[in-house]
Amino acid sequence: MTRINTNVSSLTAQKTLGRSNVSLQQALTRLSTGLRINTGKDDPAGLIASEMLRANIVSINRAITNSERASQMIATVDSALNQIGNLLNDIRALVTEAANKGAMTEDQIAANQLQIDAALEAINRIAQTTAFQGRKLLDGSLDFIHTAGAVPTIEDIQINRATLGSAGQMTVEVDIQQAARQAEILSASGVA
């Protein structure tokens, strides 16, 4: 007859030791990661909630980064537009001065015209070279999308705030001689 020796105390001790090892491993994992929930079995509902919070944090951090980048781009454009505004104010002053033909000689008027031409070249140079992270901002290459809903035409465009110089208010007359080459208006019926 075969005899099976069992040591119940040893089996109980091994089972307890196994549980202790699992608890120790879980405690070490929590200590090393600093997280209360490391796997789904620790707390399934808590894991789902924490993953949703992590996704929200990543999205918010990305939105903050995008906002900072947009702010930097706007600062670049603002600086360039301030320079252009100053040049336009200089041109206006030169034109006003040149309009007083009685007090100015032809040479002075010609010199003013040279200054105006130089200012216009500077404005064009600023418009062609103002860039942010390799993307030109004022040369007309960026798209602008205006959605007017069911209205097929745009009757009025109003700029609510533009600061040019210290005058606070400036009258600007616009004479459109040629349509912009890079502009397109997209409507529900296609390209206009």
Foldseek 3Di string as FASTA:
>chain_A
DDDDDDDVVVVVVVVVVVVVVVVVVLVVVCVVVVDQDDDCVSPVVVVVVVVVVVVVVVVVVVVVVVVVLVVVLVVLVVVLVQLLLALVVLLVVLVVVLVPVVVDDPVSNVVSVVSNVVSVVVNQVSQVPRDDPPHRDRVLQDADADADDPDPDDDDDDDPDDDRPDPRDDDDDDDDPDDDPNYWYAYPVGID
